[in-house]
Amino acid sequence: MKRANPRALVAAREEGLRRIRQLTRATLVGGLIGVGVLSAAVAHALPGHTAAAKPHTNRVKHNNPSAPRSAQQAPVQTYQPPVTTSGGS
């Protein structure tokens, strides 16, 4: 029975690890490029809206600077829990 050379085994293992490392690196780079291309295609196919496209219309100008501040603000609704009583006598 013939035994394999230990140095040849180590060299073969190192070569295999180098190949796996290159394959992993190529897979990661390819995946990142694929994600970039896909995101660019989606961004081109579904354009967003710019802030300048919609004018802001809910601002109201008040010419009377002496008007009370509370008159300019909308009323605030507050939550109050309902009053309940037990079925006692």
PDB file of N, CA and C in Angstrom:
ATOM      1  N   MET A   1       0.842  -1.169   0.000  1.00  0.00           N
ATOM      2  CA  MET A   1       0.000   0.000   0.000  1.00  0.00           C
ATOM      3  C   MET A   1       0.893   1.241   0.000  1.00  0.00           C
ATOM      4  N   LYS A   2       0.546   2.188  -0.880  1.00  0.00           N
ATOM      5  CA  LYS A   2       1.363   3.373  -1.050  1.00  0.00           C
ATOM      6  C   LYS A   2       0.730   4.543  -0.300  1.00  0.00           C
ATOM      7  N   ARG A   3       1.509   5.276   0.468  1.00  0.00           N
ATOM      8  CA  ARG A   3       1.023   6.448   1.205  1.00  0.00           C
ATOM      9  C   ARG A   3       1.238   7.701   0.391  1.00  0.00           C
ATOM     10  N   ALA A   4       0.277   8.641   0.480  1.00  0.00           N
ATOM     11  CA  ALA A   4       0.385   9.902  -0.252  1.00  0.00           C
ATOM     12  C   ALA A   4       1.379  10.809   0.458  1.00  0.00           C
ATOM     13  N   ASN A   5       2.014  11.631  -0.310  1.00  0.00           N
ATOM     14  CA  ASN A   5       2.974  12.580   0.216  1.00  0.00           C
ATOM     15  C   ASN A   5       2.216  13.654   1.019  1.00  0.00           C
ATOM     16  N   PRO A   6       2.562  13.903   2.299  1.00  0.00           N
ATOM     17  CA  PRO A   6       1.846  14.915   3.096  1.00  0.00           C
ATOM     18  C   PRO A   6       1.924  16.310   2.489  1.00  0.00           C
ATOM     19  N   ARG A   7       3.048  16.633   1.871  1.00  0.00           N
ATOM     20  CA  ARG A   7       3.164  17.961   1.250  1.00  0.00           C
ATOM     21  C   ARG A   7       2.217  18.090   0.059  1.00  0.00           C
ATOM     22  N   ALA A   8       2.035  17.034  -0.668  1.00  0.00           N
ATOM     23  CA  ALA A   8       1.114  17.068  -1.804  1.00  0.00           C
ATOM     24  C   ALA A   8      -0.326  17.214  -1.320  1.00  0.00           C
ATOM     25  N   LEU A   9      -0.650  16.581  -0.209  1.00  0.00           N
ATOM     26  CA  LEU A   9      -2.001  16.710   0.361  1.00  0.00           C
ATOM     27  C   LEU A   9      -2.265  18.138   0.822  1.00  0.00           C
ATOM     28  N   VAL A  10      -1.275  18.729   1.483  1.00  0.00           N
ATOM     29  CA  VAL A  10      -1.417  20.110   1.960  1.00  0.00           C
ATOM     30  C   VAL A  10      -1.550  21.054   0.768  1.00  0.00           C
ATOM     31  N   ALA A  11      -0.752  20.832  -0.274  1.00  0.00           N
ATOM     32  CA  ALA A  11      -0.806  21.683  -1.465  1.00  0.00           C
ATOM     33  C   ALA A  11      -2.168  21.553  -2.151  1.00  0.00           C
ATOM     34  N   ALA A  12      -2.693  20.330  -2.215  1.00  0.00           N
ATOM     35  CA  ALA A  12      -4.006  20.124  -2.831  1.00  0.00           C
ATOM     36  C   ALA A  12      -5.101  20.809  -2.018  1.00  0.00           C
ATOM     37  N   ARG A  13      -4.998  20.742  -0.694  1.00  0.00           N
ATOM     38  CA  ARG A  13      -5.982  21.423   0.163  1.00  0.00           C
ATOM     39  C   ARG A  13      -5.912  22.932  -0.026  1.00  0.00           C
ATOM     40  N   GLU A  14      -4.722  23.494  -0.057  1.00  0.00           N
ATOM     41  CA  GLU A  14      -4.552  24.931  -0.256  1.00  0.00           C
ATOM     42  C   GLU A  14      -5.099  25.378  -1.619  1.00  0.00           C
ATOM     43  N   GLU A  15      -4.878  24.562  -2.646  1.00  0.00           N
ATOM     44  CA  GLU A  15      -5.401  24.876  -3.974  1.00  0.00           C
ATOM     45  C   GLU A  15      -6.931  24.869  -3.964  1.00  0.00           C
ATOM     46  N   GLY A  16      -7.523  23.915  -3.280  1.00  0.00           N
ATOM     47  CA  GLY A  16      -8.978  23.856  -3.174  1.00  0.00           C
ATOM     48  C   GLY A  16      -9.539  25.054  -2.422  1.00  0.00           C
ATOM     49  N   LEU A  17      -8.873  25.447  -1.333  1.00  0.00           N
ATOM     50  CA  LEU A  17      -9.311  26.622  -0.572  1.00  0.00           C
ATOM     51  C   LEU A  17      -9.198  27.896  -1.411  1.00  0.00           C
ATOM     52  N   ARG A  18      -8.136  27.997  -2.225  1.00  0.00           N
ATOM     53  CA  ARG A  18      -7.960  29.162  -3.084  1.00  0.00           C
ATOM     54  C   ARG A  18      -9.086  29.237  -4.115  1.00  0.00           C
ATOM     55  N   ARG A  19      -9.449  28.090  -4.688  1.00  0.00           N
ATOM     56  CA  ARG A  19     -10.536  28.063  -5.670  1.00  0.00           C
ATOM     57  C   ARG A  19     -11.868  28.449  -5.039  1.00  0.00           C
ATOM     58  N   ILE A  20     -12.135  27.929  -3.851  1.00  0.00           N
ATOM     59  CA  ILE A  20     -13.387  28.272  -3.144  1.00  0.00           C
ATOM     60  C   ILE A  20     -13.411  29.760  -2.807  1.00  0.00           C
ATOM     61  N   ARG A  21     -12.284  30.318  -2.395  1.00  0.00           N
ATOM     62  CA  ARG A  21     -12.204  31.737  -2.064  1.00  0.00           C
ATOM     63  C   ARG A  21     -12.498  32.588  -3.303  1.00  0.00           C
ATOM     64  N   GLN A  22     -11.937  32.212  -4.450  1.00  0.00           N
ATOM     65  CA  GLN A  22     -12.191  32.944  -5.685  1.00  0.00           C
ATOM     66  C   GLN A  22     -13.656  32.832  -6.108  1.00  0.00           C
ATOM     67  N   LEU A  23     -14.220  31.638  -5.961  1.00  0.00           N
ATOM     68  CA  LEU A  23     -15.621  31.443  -6.312  1.00  0.00           C
ATOM     69  C   LEU A  23     -16.535  32.282  -5.416  1.00  0.00           C
ATOM     70  N   THR A  24     -16.228  32.319  -4.118  1.00  0.00           N
ATOM     71  CA  THR A  24     -17.030  33.116  -3.182  1.00  0.00           C
ATOM     72  C   THR A  24     -16.935  34.595  -3.527  1.00  0.00           C
ATOM     73  N   ARG A  25     -15.738  35.062  -3.802  1.00  0.00           N
ATOM     74  CA  ARG A  25     -15.535  36.473  -4.146  1.00  0.00           C
ATOM     75  C   ARG A  25     -16.280  36.823  -5.437  1.00  0.00           C
ATOM     76  N   ALA A  26     -16.191  35.958  -6.442  1.00  0.00           N
ATOM     77  CA  ALA A  26     -16.875  36.214  -7.712  1.00  0.00           C
ATOM     78  C   ALA A  26     -18.392  36.204  -7.525  1.00  0.00           C
ATOM     79  N   THR A  27     -18.893  35.325  -6.671  1.00  0.00           N
ATOM     80  CA  THR A  27     -20.329  35.265  -6.403  1.00  0.00           C
ATOM     81  C   THR A  27     -20.808  36.543  -5.720  1.00  0.00           C
ATOM     82  N   LEU A  28     -20.047  37.026  -4.744  1.00  0.00           N
ATOM     83  CA  LEU A  28     -20.422  38.264  -4.050  1.00  0.00           C
ATOM     84  C   LEU A  28     -20.404  39.462  -4.995  1.00  0.00           C
ATOM     85  N   VAL A  29     -19.364  39.576  -5.808  1.00  0.00           N
ATOM     86  CA  VAL A  29     -19.272  40.703  -6.740  1.00  0.00           C
ATOM     87  C   VAL A  29     -20.409  40.633  -7.757  1.00  0.00           C
ATOM     88  N   GLY A  30     -20.675  39.432  -8.274  1.00  0.00           N
ATOM     89  CA  GLY A  30     -21.773  39.280  -9.232  1.00  0.00           C
ATOM     90  C   GLY A  30     -23.115  39.614  -8.615  1.00  0.00           C
ATOM     91  N   GLY A  31     -23.317  39.226  -7.361  1.00  0.00           N
ATOM     92  CA  GLY A  31     -24.570  39.539  -6.677  1.00  0.00           C
ATOM     93  C   GLY A  31     -24.744  41.033  -6.476  1.00  0.00           C
ATOM     94  N   LEU A  32     -23.670  41.715  -6.077  1.00  0.00           N
ATOM     95  CA  LEU A  32     -23.748  43.167  -5.887  1.00  0.00           C
ATOM     96  C   LEU A  32     -24.021  43.883  -7.206  1.00  0.00           C
ATOM     97  N   ILE A  33     -23.380  43.432  -8.271  1.00  0.00           N
ATOM     98  CA  ILE A  33     -23.636  44.041  -9.580  1.00  0.00           C
ATOM     99  C   ILE A  33     -25.082  43.781  -9.998  1.00  0.00           C
ATOM    100  N   GLY A  34     -25.578  42.572  -9.745  1.00  0.00           N
ATOM    101  CA  GLY A  34     -26.965  42.250 -10.080  1.00  0.00           C
ATOM    102  C   GLY A  34     -27.961  43.103  -9.317  1.00  0.00           C
ATOM    103  N   VAL A  35     -27.700  43.323  -8.041  1.00  0.00           N
ATOM    104  CA  VAL A  35     -28.590  44.168  -7.234  1.00  0.00           C
ATOM    105  C   VAL A  35     -28.559  45.600  -7.745  1.00  0.00           C
ATOM    106  N   GLY A  36     -27.386  46.091  -8.100  1.00  0.00           N
ATOM    107  CA  GLY A  36     -27.278  47.455  -8.630  1.00  0.00           C
ATOM    108  C   GLY A  36     -28.034  47.614  -9.935  1.00  0.00           C
ATOM    109  N   VAL A  37     -27.893  46.644 -10.833  1.00  0.00           N
ATOM    110  CA  VAL A  37     -28.590  46.707 -12.119  1.00  0.00           C
ATOM    111  C   VAL A  37     -30.096  46.619 -11.906  1.00  0.00           C
ATOM    112  N   LEU A  38     -30.520  45.729 -11.031  1.00  0.00           N
ATOM    113  CA  LEU A  38     -31.947  45.583 -10.764  1.00  0.00           C
ATOM    114  C   LEU A  38     -32.535  46.844 -10.135  1.00  0.00           C
ATOM    115  N   SER A  39     -31.827  47.451  -9.181  1.00  0.00           N
ATOM    116  CA  SER A  39     -32.349  48.671  -8.561  1.00  0.00           C
ATOM    117  C   SER A  39     -32.389  49.825  -9.552  1.00  0.00           C
ATOM    118  N   ALA A  40     -31.415  49.894 -10.454  1.00  0.00           N
ATOM    119  CA  ALA A  40     -31.437  50.947 -11.476  1.00  0.00           C
ATOM    120  C   ALA A  40     -32.606  50.737 -12.439  1.00  0.00           C
ATOM    121  N   ALA A  41     -32.883  49.489 -12.790  1.00  0.00           N
ATOM    122  CA  ALA A  41     -34.000  49.205 -13.690  1.00  0.00           C
ATOM    123  C   ALA A  41     -35.331  49.554 -13.035  1.00  0.00           C
ATOM    124  N   VAL A  42     -35.486  49.234 -11.764  1.00  0.00           N
ATOM    125  CA  VAL A  42     -36.731  49.554 -11.056  1.00  0.00           C
ATOM    126  C   VAL A  42     -36.878  51.063 -10.895  1.00  0.00           C
ATOM    127  N   ALA A  43     -35.788  51.739 -10.577  1.00  0.00           N
ATOM    128  CA  ALA A  43     -35.855  53.195 -10.427  1.00  0.00           C
ATOM    129  C   ALA A  43     -36.210  53.865 -11.746  1.00  0.00           C
ATOM    130  N   HIS A  44     -35.746  53.304 -12.838  1.00  0.00           N
ATOM    131  CA  HIS A  44     -36.068  53.877 -14.146  1.00  0.00           C
ATOM    132  C   HIS A  44     -37.512  53.559 -14.541  1.00  0.00           C
ATOM    133  N   ALA A  45     -37.983  52.375 -14.184  1.00  0.00           N
ATOM    134  CA  ALA A  45     -39.340  51.959 -14.559  1.00  0.00           C
ATOM    135  C   ALA A  45     -40.404  52.629 -13.701  1.00  0.00           C
ATOM    136  N   LEU A  46     -40.099  52.914 -12.451  1.00  0.00           N
ATOM    137  CA  LEU A  46     -41.063  53.520 -11.533  1.00  0.00           C
ATOM    138  C   LEU A  46     -40.511  54.837 -11.003  1.00  0.00           C
ATOM    139  N   PRO A  47     -40.581  55.907 -11.781  1.00  0.00           N
ATOM    140  CA  PRO A  47     -40.019  57.172 -11.315  1.00  0.00           C
ATOM    141  C   PRO A  47     -40.820  57.721 -10.141  1.00  0.00           C
ATOM    142  N   GLY A  48     -40.135  58.357  -9.231  1.00  0.00           N
ATOM    143  CA  GLY A  48     -40.792  58.941  -8.060  1.00  0.00           C
ATOM    144  C   GLY A  48     -41.279  60.343  -8.354  1.00  0.00           C
ATOM    145  N   HIS A  49     -41.795  60.984  -7.341  1.00  0.00           N
ATOM    146  CA  HIS A  49     -42.310  62.347  -7.460  1.00  0.00           C
ATOM    147  C   HIS A  49     -41.334  63.290  -6.789  1.00  0.00           C
ATOM    148  N   THR A  50     -41.202  64.458  -7.352  1.00  0.00           N
ATOM    149  CA  THR A  50     -40.347  65.459  -6.739  1.00  0.00           C
ATOM    150  C   THR A  50     -41.175  66.329  -5.810  1.00  0.00           C
ATOM    151  N   ALA A  51     -40.533  66.963  -4.878  1.00  0.00           N
ATOM    152  CA  ALA A  51     -41.238  67.807  -3.914  1.00  0.00           C
ATOM    153  C   ALA A  51     -41.800  69.053  -4.594  1.00  0.00           C
ATOM    154  N   ALA A  52     -41.177  69.520  -5.655  1.00  0.00           N
ATOM    155  CA  ALA A  52     -41.629  70.728  -6.340  1.00  0.00           C
ATOM    156  C   ALA A  52     -42.865  70.465  -7.204  1.00  0.00           C
ATOM    157  N   ALA A  53     -43.203  69.213  -7.429  1.00  0.00           N
ATOM    158  CA  ALA A  53     -44.336  68.895  -8.297  1.00  0.00           C
ATOM    159  C   ALA A  53     -45.671  69.235  -7.646  1.00  0.00           C
ATOM    160  N   LYS A  54     -45.757  69.172  -6.338  1.00  0.00           N
ATOM    161  CA  LYS A  54     -47.006  69.465  -5.645  1.00  0.00           C
ATOM    162  C   LYS A  54     -46.854  70.758  -4.847  1.00  0.00           C
ATOM    163  N   PRO A  55     -47.645  71.777  -5.168  1.00  0.00           N
ATOM    164  CA  PRO A  55     -47.569  73.006  -4.370  1.00  0.00           C
ATOM    165  C   PRO A  55     -48.221  72.783  -3.006  1.00  0.00           C
ATOM    166  N   HIS A  56     -47.685  73.441  -2.030  1.00  0.00           N
ATOM    167  CA  HIS A  56     -48.200  73.329  -0.670  1.00  0.00           C
ATOM    168  C   HIS A  56     -49.344  74.326  -0.520  1.00  0.00           C
ATOM    169  N   THR A  57     -50.593  73.834  -0.402  1.00  0.00           N
ATOM    170  CA  THR A  57     -51.747  74.737  -0.448  1.00  0.00           C
ATOM    171  C   THR A  57     -52.412  74.966   0.901  1.00  0.00           C
ATOM    172  N   ASN A  58     -51.979  74.320   1.948  1.00  0.00           N
ATOM    173  CA  ASN A  58     -52.702  74.476   3.212  1.00  0.00           C
ATOM    174  C   ASN A  58     -52.122  75.576   4.098  1.00  0.00           C
ATOM    175  N   ARG A  59     -51.284  76.428   3.554  1.00  0.00           N
ATOM    176  CA  ARG A  59     -50.793  77.557   4.340  1.00  0.00           C
ATOM    177  C   ARG A  59     -51.736  78.737   4.174  1.00  0.00           C
ATOM    178  N   VAL A  60     -52.043  79.408   5.261  1.00  0.00           N
ATOM    179  CA  VAL A  60     -52.968  80.534   5.239  1.00  0.00           C
ATOM    180  C   VAL A  60     -52.218  81.773   5.704  1.00  0.00           C
ATOM    181  N   LYS A  61     -52.325  82.849   4.921  1.00  0.00           N
ATOM    182  CA  LYS A  61     -51.680  84.098   5.319  1.00  0.00           C
ATOM    183  C   LYS A  61     -52.650  84.895   6.173  1.00  0.00           C
ATOM    184  N   HIS A  62     -52.140  85.419   7.257  1.00  0.00           N
ATOM    185  CA  HIS A  62     -52.941  86.268   8.144  1.00  0.00           C
ATOM    186  C   HIS A  62     -52.319  87.659   8.127  1.00  0.00           C
ATOM    187  N   ASN A  63     -53.133  88.629   7.787  1.00  0.00           N
ATOM    188  CA  ASN A  63     -52.636  89.997   7.713  1.00  0.00           C
ATOM    189  C   ASN A  63     -52.691  90.714   9.050  1.00  0.00           C
ATOM    190  N   ASN A  64     -53.387  90.147  10.033  1.00  0.00           N
ATOM    191  CA  ASN A  64     -53.547  90.782  11.320  1.00  0.00           C
ATOM    192  C   ASN A  64     -52.567  90.167  12.317  1.00  0.00           C
ATOM    193  N   PRO A  65     -51.430  90.826  12.559  1.00  0.00           N
ATOM    194  CA  PRO A  65     -50.464  90.250  13.496  1.00  0.00           C
ATOM    195  C   PRO A  65     -50.928  90.316  14.949  1.00  0.00           C
ATOM    196  N   SER A  66     -51.944  91.129  15.252  1.00  0.00           N
ATOM    197  CA  SER A  66     -52.401  91.232  16.630  1.00  0.00           C
ATOM    198  C   SER A  66     -53.490  90.213  16.953  1.00  0.00           C
ATOM    199  N   ALA A  67     -53.848  89.363  15.994  1.00  0.00           N
ATOM    200  CA  ALA A  67     -54.883  88.362  16.242  1.00  0.00           C
ATOM    201  C   ALA A  67     -54.350  87.344  17.250  1.00  0.00           C
ATOM    202  N   PRO A  68     -55.231  86.874  18.121  1.00  0.00           N
ATOM    203  CA  PRO A  68     -54.765  85.895  19.108  1.00  0.00           C
ATOM    204  C   PRO A  68     -54.283  84.623  18.416  1.00  0.00           C
ATOM    205  N   ARG A  69     -53.276  84.019  18.985  1.00  0.00           N
ATOM    206  CA  ARG A  69     -52.656  82.829  18.401  1.00  0.00           C
ATOM    207  C   ARG A  69     -53.622  81.647  18.396  1.00  0.00           C
ATOM    208  N   SER A  70     -54.486  81.560  19.395  1.00  0.00           N
ATOM    209  CA  SER A  70     -55.399  80.430  19.479  1.00  0.00           C
ATOM    210  C   SER A  70     -56.433  80.443  18.361  1.00  0.00           C
ATOM    211  N   ALA A  71     -56.727  81.606  17.793  1.00  0.00           N
ATOM    212  CA  ALA A  71     -57.703  81.675  16.711  1.00  0.00           C
ATOM    213  C   ALA A  71     -57.143  81.084  15.426  1.00  0.00           C
ATOM    214  N   GLN A  72     -55.841  81.031  15.297  1.00  0.00           N
ATOM    215  CA  GLN A  72     -55.220  80.515  14.088  1.00  0.00           C
ATOM    216  C   GLN A  72     -55.030  79.001  14.132  1.00  0.00           C
ATOM    217  N   GLN A  73     -55.102  78.404  15.289  1.00  0.00           N
ATOM    218  CA  GLN A  73     -54.856  76.978  15.410  1.00  0.00           C
ATOM    219  C   GLN A  73     -56.159  76.203  15.363  1.00  0.00           C
ATOM    220  N   ALA A  74     -56.092  75.017  14.810  1.00  0.00           N
ATOM    221  CA  ALA A  74     -57.263  74.149  14.749  1.00  0.00           C
ATOM    222  C   ALA A  74     -57.525  73.561  16.133  1.00  0.00           C
ATOM    223  N   PRO A  75     -58.790  73.271  16.452  1.00  0.00           N
ATOM    224  CA  PRO A  75     -59.078  72.681  17.759  1.00  0.00           C
ATOM    225  C   PRO A  75     -58.469  71.285  17.865  1.00  0.00           C
ATOM    226  N   VAL A  76     -58.081  70.945  19.068  1.00  0.00           N
ATOM    227  CA  VAL A  76     -57.448  69.657  19.321  1.00  0.00           C
ATOM    228  C   VAL A  76     -58.449  68.754  20.015  1.00  0.00           C
ATOM    229  N   GLN A  77     -58.643  67.562  19.463  1.00  0.00           N
ATOM    230  CA  GLN A  77     -59.540  66.604  20.098  1.00  0.00           C
ATOM    231  C   GLN A  77     -58.763  65.823  21.143  1.00  0.00           C
ATOM    232  N   THR A  78     -59.375  65.633  22.287  1.00  0.00           N
ATOM    233  CA  THR A  78     -58.743  64.832  23.335  1.00  0.00           C
ATOM    234  C   THR A  78     -59.624  63.629  23.608  1.00  0.00           C
ATOM    235  N   TYR A  79     -59.017  62.579  24.035  1.00  0.00           N
ATOM    236  CA  TYR A  79     -59.741  61.357  24.340  1.00  0.00           C
ATOM    237  C   TYR A  79     -60.039  61.303  25.821  1.00  0.00           C
ATOM    238  N   GLN A  80     -61.310  61.071  26.156  1.00  0.00           N
ATOM    239  CA  GLN A  80     -61.698  60.869  27.543  1.00  0.00           C
ATOM    240  C   GLN A  80     -62.390  59.532  27.621  1.00  0.00           C
ATOM    241  N   PRO A  81     -61.950  58.671  28.526  1.00  0.00           N
ATOM    242  CA  PRO A  81     -62.591  57.351  28.628  1.00  0.00           C
ATOM    243  C   PRO A  81     -64.040  57.514  29.087  1.00  0.00           C
ATOM    244  N   PRO A  82     -64.930  56.617  28.622  1.00  0.00           N
ATOM    245  CA  PRO A  82     -66.343  56.737  29.012  1.00  0.00           C
ATOM    246  C   PRO A  82     -66.519  56.438  30.514  1.00  0.00           C
ATOM    247  N   VAL A  83     -67.491  57.111  31.081  1.00  0.00           N
ATOM    248  CA  VAL A  83     -67.805  56.902  32.498  1.00  0.00           C
ATOM    249  C   VAL A  83     -68.727  55.688  32.596  1.00  0.00           C
ATOM    250  N   THR A  84     -68.323  54.734  33.365  1.00  0.00           N
ATOM    251  CA  THR A  84     -69.158  53.526  33.545  1.00  0.00           C
ATOM    252  C   THR A  84     -69.432  53.309  35.021  1.00  0.00           C
ATOM    253  N   THR A  85     -70.561  52.718  35.282  1.00  0.00           N
ATOM    254  CA  THR A  85     -70.898  52.373  36.659  1.00  0.00           C
ATOM    255  C   THR A  85     -71.192  50.889  36.707  1.00  0.00           C
ATOM    256  N   SER A  86     -70.928  50.316  37.863  1.00  0.00           N
ATOM    257  CA  SER A  86     -71.206  48.885  38.009  1.00  0.00           C
ATOM    258  C   SER A  86     -72.684  48.667  38.271  1.00  0.00           C
ATOM    259  N   GLY A  87     -73.136  47.454  38.231  1.00  0.00           N
ATOM    260  CA  GLY A  87     -74.560  47.151  38.398  1.00  0.00           C
ATOM    261  C   GLY A  87     -74.971  47.052  39.854  1.00  0.00           C
ATOM    262  N   GLY A  88     -74.416  47.871  40.718  1.00  0.00           N
ATOM    263  CA  GLY A  88     -74.766  47.834  42.135  1.00  0.00           C
ATOM    264  C   GLY A  88     -76.130  48.429  42.418  1.00  0.00           C
ATOM    265  N   SER A  89     -76.640  48.277  43.645  1.00  0.00           N
ATOM    266  CA  SER A  89     -77.981  48.772  43.976  1.00  0.00           C
ATOM    267  C   SER A  89     -77.983  50.182  44.456  1.00  0.00           C
TER     268      SER A  89
END
